[in-house]
Amino acid sequence: MINSVSSDTSLASYATGSSNRAVMNEISMAIMKQTMDQQKAAGQALLEMIKQSPMPDGTGSLINIGA
């Protein structure tokens, strides 16, 4: 009888631990996705800012060979 109770307790502990790990994994994935979405938005905003900044004529087509 003692072994049966002990194995039931172990099984319950394992199931609870497994469930907790699954929840923590889901939380971690949600946080990672949110961080990636924020980084993507920041990157897109930076690209828009670069596109809107004034560029002198010849930018990107002239090479400074004296440097």
PDB file of N, CA and C in Angstrom:
ATOM      1  N   MET A   1       0.805  -1.199   0.000  1.00  0.00           N
ATOM      2  CA  MET A   1       0.000   0.000   0.000  1.00  0.00           C
ATOM      3  C   MET A   1       0.851   1.267   0.000  1.00  0.00           C
ATOM      4  N   ILE A   2       1.915   1.262   0.760  1.00  0.00           N
ATOM      5  CA  ILE A   2       2.758   2.460   0.837  1.00  0.00           C
ATOM      6  C   ILE A   2       3.363   2.774  -0.521  1.00  0.00           C
ATOM      7  N   ASN A   3       3.807   1.749  -1.232  1.00  0.00           N
ATOM      8  CA  ASN A   3       4.374   1.961  -2.562  1.00  0.00           C
ATOM      9  C   ASN A   3       3.341   2.530  -3.525  1.00  0.00           C
ATOM     10  N   SER A   4       2.106   2.098  -3.429  1.00  0.00           N
ATOM     11  CA  SER A   4       1.045   2.595  -4.297  1.00  0.00           C
ATOM     12  C   SER A   4       0.790   4.080  -4.054  1.00  0.00           C
ATOM     13  N   VAL A   5       0.746   4.482  -2.801  1.00  0.00           N
ATOM     14  CA  VAL A   5       0.530   5.897  -2.478  1.00  0.00           C
ATOM     15  C   VAL A   5       1.713   6.718  -2.944  1.00  0.00           C
ATOM     16  N   SER A   6       2.895   6.184  -2.740  1.00  0.00           N
ATOM     17  CA  SER A   6       4.111   6.882  -3.144  1.00  0.00           C
ATOM     18  C   SER A   6       4.156   7.077  -4.657  1.00  0.00           C
ATOM     19  N   SER A   7       3.791   6.052  -5.430  1.00  0.00           N
ATOM     20  CA  SER A   7       3.812   6.179  -6.883  1.00  0.00           C
ATOM     21  C   SER A   7       2.709   7.110  -7.369  1.00  0.00           C
ATOM     22  N   ASP A   8       1.565   7.111  -6.686  1.00  0.00           N
ATOM     23  CA  ASP A   8       0.490   8.040  -7.047  1.00  0.00           C
ATOM     24  C   ASP A   8       0.942   9.477  -6.810  1.00  0.00           C
ATOM     25  N   THR A   9       1.618   9.703  -5.696  1.00  0.00           N
ATOM     26  CA  THR A   9       2.128  11.036  -5.388  1.00  0.00           C
ATOM     27  C   THR A   9       3.171  11.458  -6.405  1.00  0.00           C
ATOM     28  N   SER A  10       4.055  10.529  -6.777  1.00  0.00           N
ATOM     29  CA  SER A  10       5.078  10.827  -7.775  1.00  0.00           C
ATOM     30  C   SER A  10       4.443  11.156  -9.118  1.00  0.00           C
ATOM     31  N   LEU A  11       3.438  10.396  -9.493  1.00  0.00           N
ATOM     32  CA  LEU A  11       2.745  10.627 -10.758  1.00  0.00           C
ATOM     33  C   LEU A  11       2.061  11.990 -10.756  1.00  0.00           C
ATOM     34  N   ALA A  12       1.425  12.340  -9.644  1.00  0.00           N
ATOM     35  CA  ALA A  12       0.763  13.644  -9.531  1.00  0.00           C
ATOM     36  C   ALA A  12       1.789  14.764  -9.587  1.00  0.00           C
ATOM     37  N   SER A  13       2.915  14.582  -8.925  1.00  0.00           N
ATOM     38  CA  SER A  13       3.977  15.596  -8.945  1.00  0.00           C
ATOM     39  C   SER A  13       4.522  15.769 -10.354  1.00  0.00           C
ATOM     40  N   TYR A  14       4.714  14.650 -11.038  1.00  0.00           N
ATOM     41  CA  TYR A  14       5.214  14.711 -12.412  1.00  0.00           C
ATOM     42  C   TYR A  14       4.219  15.436 -13.310  1.00  0.00           C
ATOM     43  N   ALA A  15       2.955  15.114 -13.199  1.00  0.00           N
ATOM     44  CA  ALA A  15       1.926  15.740 -14.029  1.00  0.00           C
ATOM     45  C   ALA A  15       1.849  17.237 -13.756  1.00  0.00           C
ATOM     46  N   THR A  16       1.912  17.613 -12.495  1.00  0.00           N
ATOM     47  CA  THR A  16       1.870  19.033 -12.142  1.00  0.00           C
ATOM     48  C   THR A  16       3.089  19.756 -12.680  1.00  0.00           C
ATOM     49  N   GLY A  17       4.275  19.143 -12.494  1.00  0.00           N
ATOM     50  CA  GLY A  17       5.508  19.745 -12.996  1.00  0.00           C
ATOM     51  C   GLY A  17       5.495  19.881 -14.499  1.00  0.00           C
ATOM     52  N   SER A  18       4.993  18.854 -15.175  1.00  0.00           N
ATOM     53  CA  SER A  18       4.910  18.879 -16.629  1.00  0.00           C
ATOM     54  C   SER A  18       3.967  19.979 -17.096  1.00  0.00           C
ATOM     55  N   SER A  19       2.849  20.118 -16.428  1.00  0.00           N
ATOM     56  CA  SER A  19       1.885  21.166 -16.762  1.00  0.00           C
ATOM     57  C   SER A  19       2.488  22.547 -16.528  1.00  0.00           C
ATOM     58  N   ASN A  20       3.188  22.698 -15.419  1.00  0.00           N
ATOM     59  CA  ASN A  20       3.835  23.986 -15.126  1.00  0.00           C
ATOM     60  C   ASN A  20       4.877  24.333 -16.177  1.00  0.00           C
ATOM     61  N   ARG A  21       5.646  23.337 -16.620  1.00  0.00           N
ATOM     62  CA  ARG A  21       6.644  23.586 -17.661  1.00  0.00           C
ATOM     63  C   ARG A  21       5.973  23.997 -18.969  1.00  0.00           C
ATOM     64  N   ALA A  22       4.864  23.357 -19.293  1.00  0.00           N
ATOM     65  CA  ALA A  22       4.149  23.691 -20.524  1.00  0.00           C
ATOM     66  C   ALA A  22       3.631  25.130 -20.471  1.00  0.00           C
ATOM     67  N   VAL A  23       3.107  25.526 -19.339  1.00  0.00           N
ATOM     68  CA  VAL A  23       2.615  26.902 -19.183  1.00  0.00           C
ATOM     69  C   VAL A  23       3.776  27.887 -19.288  1.00  0.00           C
ATOM     70  N   MET A  24       4.882  27.572 -18.633  1.00  0.00           N
ATOM     71  CA  MET A  24       6.045  28.470 -18.688  1.00  0.00           C
ATOM     72  C   MET A  24       6.575  28.581 -20.118  1.00  0.00           C
ATOM     73  N   ASN A  25       6.570  27.467 -20.859  1.00  0.00           N
ATOM     74  CA  ASN A  25       6.993  27.508 -22.265  1.00  0.00           C
ATOM     75  C   ASN A  25       6.071  28.398 -23.088  1.00  0.00           C
ATOM     76  N   GLU A  26       4.766  28.289 -22.856  1.00  0.00           N
ATOM     77  CA  GLU A  26       3.813  29.129 -23.587  1.00  0.00           C
ATOM     78  C   GLU A  26       4.030  30.603 -23.264  1.00  0.00           C
ATOM     79  N   ILE A  27       4.274  30.912 -22.004  1.00  0.00           N
ATOM     80  CA  ILE A  27       4.528  32.297 -21.601  1.00  0.00           C
ATOM     81  C   ILE A  27       5.802  32.801 -22.250  1.00  0.00           C
ATOM     82  N   SER A  28       6.848  31.990 -22.220  1.00  0.00           N
ATOM     83  CA  SER A  28       8.120  32.381 -22.833  1.00  0.00           C
ATOM     84  C   SER A  28       7.966  32.637 -24.327  1.00  0.00           C
ATOM     85  N   MET A  29       7.224  31.761 -25.000  1.00  0.00           N
ATOM     86  CA  MET A  29       7.011  31.940 -26.441  1.00  0.00           C
ATOM     87  C   MET A  29       6.207  33.204 -26.730  1.00  0.00           C
ATOM     88  N   ALA A  30       5.206  33.497 -25.909  1.00  0.00           N
ATOM     89  CA  ALA A  30       4.409  34.702 -26.103  1.00  0.00           C
ATOM     90  C   ALA A  30       5.263  35.956 -25.903  1.00  0.00           C
ATOM     91  N   ILE A  31       6.119  35.936 -24.895  1.00  0.00           N
ATOM     92  CA  ILE A  31       6.997  37.085 -24.653  1.00  0.00           C
ATOM     93  C   ILE A  31       7.982  37.243 -25.802  1.00  0.00           C
ATOM     94  N   MET A  32       8.542  36.125 -26.281  1.00  0.00           N
ATOM     95  CA  MET A  32       9.484  36.192 -27.388  1.00  0.00           C
ATOM     96  C   MET A  32       8.804  36.725 -28.649  1.00  0.00           C
ATOM     97  N   LYS A  33       7.590  36.278 -28.914  1.00  0.00           N
ATOM     98  CA  LYS A  33       6.862  36.764 -30.096  1.00  0.00           C
ATOM     99  C   LYS A  33       6.582  38.260 -29.974  1.00  0.00           C
ATOM    100  N   GLN A  34       6.189  38.695 -28.780  1.00  0.00           N
ATOM    101  CA  GLN A  34       5.929  40.119 -28.575  1.00  0.00           C
ATOM    102  C   GLN A  34       7.202  40.933 -28.779  1.00  0.00           C
ATOM    103  N   THR A  35       8.319  40.449 -28.278  1.00  0.00           N
ATOM    104  CA  THR A  35       9.601  41.139 -28.453  1.00  0.00           C
ATOM    105  C   THR A  35       9.979  41.201 -29.923  1.00  0.00           C
ATOM    106  N   MET A  36       9.781  40.110 -30.646  1.00  0.00           N
ATOM    107  CA  MET A  36      10.089  40.093 -32.081  1.00  0.00           C
ATOM    108  C   MET A  36       9.200  41.072 -32.839  1.00  0.00           C
ATOM    109  N   ASP A  37       7.920  41.134 -32.484  1.00  0.00           N
ATOM    110  CA  ASP A  37       7.004  42.078 -33.127  1.00  0.00           C
ATOM    111  C   ASP A  37       7.429  43.518 -32.858  1.00  0.00           C
ATOM    112  N   GLN A  38       7.860  43.801 -31.630  1.00  0.00           N
ATOM    113  CA  GLN A  38       8.322  45.145 -31.290  1.00  0.00           C
ATOM    114  C   GLN A  38       9.582  45.493 -32.067  1.00  0.00           C
ATOM    115  N   GLN A  39      10.505  44.547 -32.198  1.00  0.00           N
ATOM    116  CA  GLN A  39      11.735  44.787 -32.948  1.00  0.00           C
ATOM    117  C   GLN A  39      11.440  45.007 -34.431  1.00  0.00           C
ATOM    118  N   LYS A  40      10.489  44.255 -34.954  1.00  0.00           N
ATOM    119  CA  LYS A  40      10.098  44.429 -36.355  1.00  0.00           C
ATOM    120  C   LYS A  40       9.514  45.818 -36.571  1.00  0.00           C
ATOM    121  N   ALA A  41       8.638  46.253 -35.667  1.00  0.00           N
ATOM    122  CA  ALA A  41       8.036  47.584 -35.777  1.00  0.00           C
ATOM    123  C   ALA A  41       9.100  48.675 -35.670  1.00  0.00           C
ATOM    124  N   ALA A  42      10.056  48.496 -34.763  1.00  0.00           N
ATOM    125  CA  ALA A  42      11.129  49.487 -34.608  1.00  0.00           C
ATOM    126  C   ALA A  42      11.989  49.536 -35.869  1.00  0.00           C
ATOM    127  N   GLY A  43      12.264  48.382 -36.459  1.00  0.00           N
ATOM    128  CA  GLY A  43      13.039  48.334 -37.701  1.00  0.00           C
ATOM    129  C   GLY A  43      12.310  49.007 -38.849  1.00  0.00           C
ATOM    130  N   GLN A  44      11.008  48.776 -38.945  1.00  0.00           N
ATOM    131  CA  GLN A  44      10.223  49.412 -40.009  1.00  0.00           C
ATOM    132  C   GLN A  44      10.174  50.929 -39.810  1.00  0.00           C
ATOM    133  N   ALA A  45      10.062  51.372 -38.564  1.00  0.00           N
ATOM    134  CA  ALA A  45      10.049  52.811 -38.285  1.00  0.00           C
ATOM    135  C   ALA A  45      11.392  53.430 -38.654  1.00  0.00           C
ATOM    136  N   LEU A  46      12.472  52.726 -38.376  1.00  0.00           N
ATOM    137  CA  LEU A  46      13.807  53.226 -38.722  1.00  0.00           C
ATOM    138  C   LEU A  46      13.973  53.325 -40.235  1.00  0.00           C
ATOM    139  N   LEU A  47      13.487  52.329 -40.959  1.00  0.00           N
ATOM    140  CA  LEU A  47      13.561  52.380 -42.426  1.00  0.00           C
ATOM    141  C   LEU A  47      12.771  53.565 -42.975  1.00  0.00           C
ATOM    142  N   GLU A  48      11.590  53.802 -42.428  1.00  0.00           N
ATOM    143  CA  GLU A  48      10.786  54.945 -42.874  1.00  0.00           C
ATOM    144  C   GLU A  48      11.511  56.262 -42.578  1.00  0.00           C
ATOM    145  N   MET A  49      12.137  56.354 -41.418  1.00  0.00           N
ATOM    146  CA  MET A  49      12.871  57.564 -41.058  1.00  0.00           C
ATOM    147  C   MET A  49      14.042  57.790 -42.020  1.00  0.00           C
ATOM    148  N   ILE A  50      14.736  56.717 -42.384  1.00  0.00           N
ATOM    149  CA  ILE A  50      15.863  56.832 -43.324  1.00  0.00           C
ATOM    150  C   ILE A  50      15.352  57.265 -44.697  1.00  0.00           C
ATOM    151  N   LYS A  51      14.227  56.686 -45.135  1.00  0.00           N
ATOM    152  CA  LYS A  51      13.668  57.038 -46.446  1.00  0.00           C
ATOM    153  C   LYS A  51      13.253  58.507 -46.502  1.00  0.00           C
ATOM    154  N   GLN A  52      12.781  59.043 -45.378  1.00  0.00           N
ATOM    155  CA  GLN A  52      12.285  60.413 -45.354  1.00  0.00           C
ATOM    156  C   GLN A  52      13.383  61.440 -45.130  1.00  0.00           C
ATOM    157  N   SER A  53      14.569  61.000 -44.738  1.00  0.00           N
ATOM    158  CA  SER A  53      15.637  61.982 -44.485  1.00  0.00           C
ATOM    159  C   SER A  53      16.175  62.509 -45.815  1.00  0.00           C
ATOM    160  N   PRO A  54      16.515  63.806 -45.852  1.00  0.00           N
ATOM    161  CA  PRO A  54      17.029  64.382 -47.096  1.00  0.00           C
ATOM    162  C   PRO A  54      18.419  63.832 -47.423  1.00  0.00           C
ATOM    163  N   MET A  55      18.615  63.516 -48.676  1.00  0.00           N
ATOM    164  CA  MET A  55      19.897  62.994 -49.126  1.00  0.00           C
ATOM    165  C   MET A  55      20.469  63.955 -50.163  1.00  0.00           C
ATOM    166  N   PRO A  56      21.743  64.302 -50.029  1.00  0.00           N
ATOM    167  CA  PRO A  56      22.350  65.164 -51.046  1.00  0.00           C
ATOM    168  C   PRO A  56      22.440  64.436 -52.385  1.00  0.00           C
ATOM    169  N   ASP A  57      22.466  65.223 -53.462  1.00  0.00           N
ATOM    170  CA  ASP A  57      22.576  64.620 -54.797  1.00  0.00           C
ATOM    171  C   ASP A  57      23.842  63.779 -54.881  1.00  0.00           C
ATOM    172  N   GLY A  58      23.709  62.644 -55.504  1.00  0.00           N
ATOM    173  CA  GLY A  58      24.858  61.761 -55.693  1.00  0.00           C
ATOM    174  C   GLY A  58      25.064  60.763 -54.561  1.00  0.00           C
ATOM    175  N   THR A  59      24.281  60.871 -53.517  1.00  0.00           N
ATOM    176  CA  THR A  59      24.441  59.927 -52.387  1.00  0.00           C
ATOM    177  C   THR A  59      24.204  58.504 -52.870  1.00  0.00           C
ATOM    178  N   GLY A  60      25.148  57.651 -52.589  1.00  0.00           N
ATOM    179  CA  GLY A  60      25.050  56.256 -52.987  1.00  0.00           C
ATOM    180  C   GLY A  60      25.644  55.973 -54.342  1.00  0.00           C
ATOM    181  N   SER A  61      26.007  57.016 -55.087  1.00  0.00           N
ATOM    182  CA  SER A  61      26.584  56.768 -56.412  1.00  0.00           C
ATOM    183  C   SER A  61      28.022  57.295 -56.513  1.00  0.00           C
ATOM    184  N   LEU A  62      28.463  58.028 -55.524  1.00  0.00           N
ATOM    185  CA  LEU A  62      29.833  58.553 -55.530  1.00  0.00           C
ATOM    186  C   LEU A  62      30.704  57.731 -54.590  1.00  0.00           C
ATOM    187  N   ILE A  63      31.962  57.527 -54.995  1.00  0.00           N
ATOM    188  CA  ILE A  63      32.902  56.758 -54.181  1.00  0.00           C
ATOM    189  C   ILE A  63      34.057  57.669 -53.804  1.00  0.00           C
ATOM    190  N   ASN A  64      34.376  57.718 -52.501  1.00  0.00           N
ATOM    191  CA  ASN A  64      35.494  58.514 -52.022  1.00  0.00           C
ATOM    192  C   ASN A  64      36.739  57.627 -52.044  1.00  0.00           C
ATOM    193  N   ILE A  65      37.586  57.813 -53.071  1.00  0.00           N
ATOM    194  CA  ILE A  65      38.781  56.960 -53.174  1.00  0.00           C
ATOM    195  C   ILE A  65      39.953  57.540 -52.370  1.00  0.00           C
ATOM    196  N   GLY A  66      39.771  58.728 -51.822  1.00  0.00           N
ATOM    197  CA  GLY A  66      40.840  59.342 -51.033  1.00  0.00           C
ATOM    198  C   GLY A  66      40.829  58.889 -49.582  1.00  0.00           C
ATOM    199  N   ALA A  67      39.849  58.176 -49.186  1.00  0.00           N
ATOM    200  CA  ALA A  67      39.755  57.771 -47.786  1.00  0.00           C
ATOM    201  C   ALA A  67      40.592  56.565 -47.476  1.00  0.00           C
TER     202      ALA A  67
END
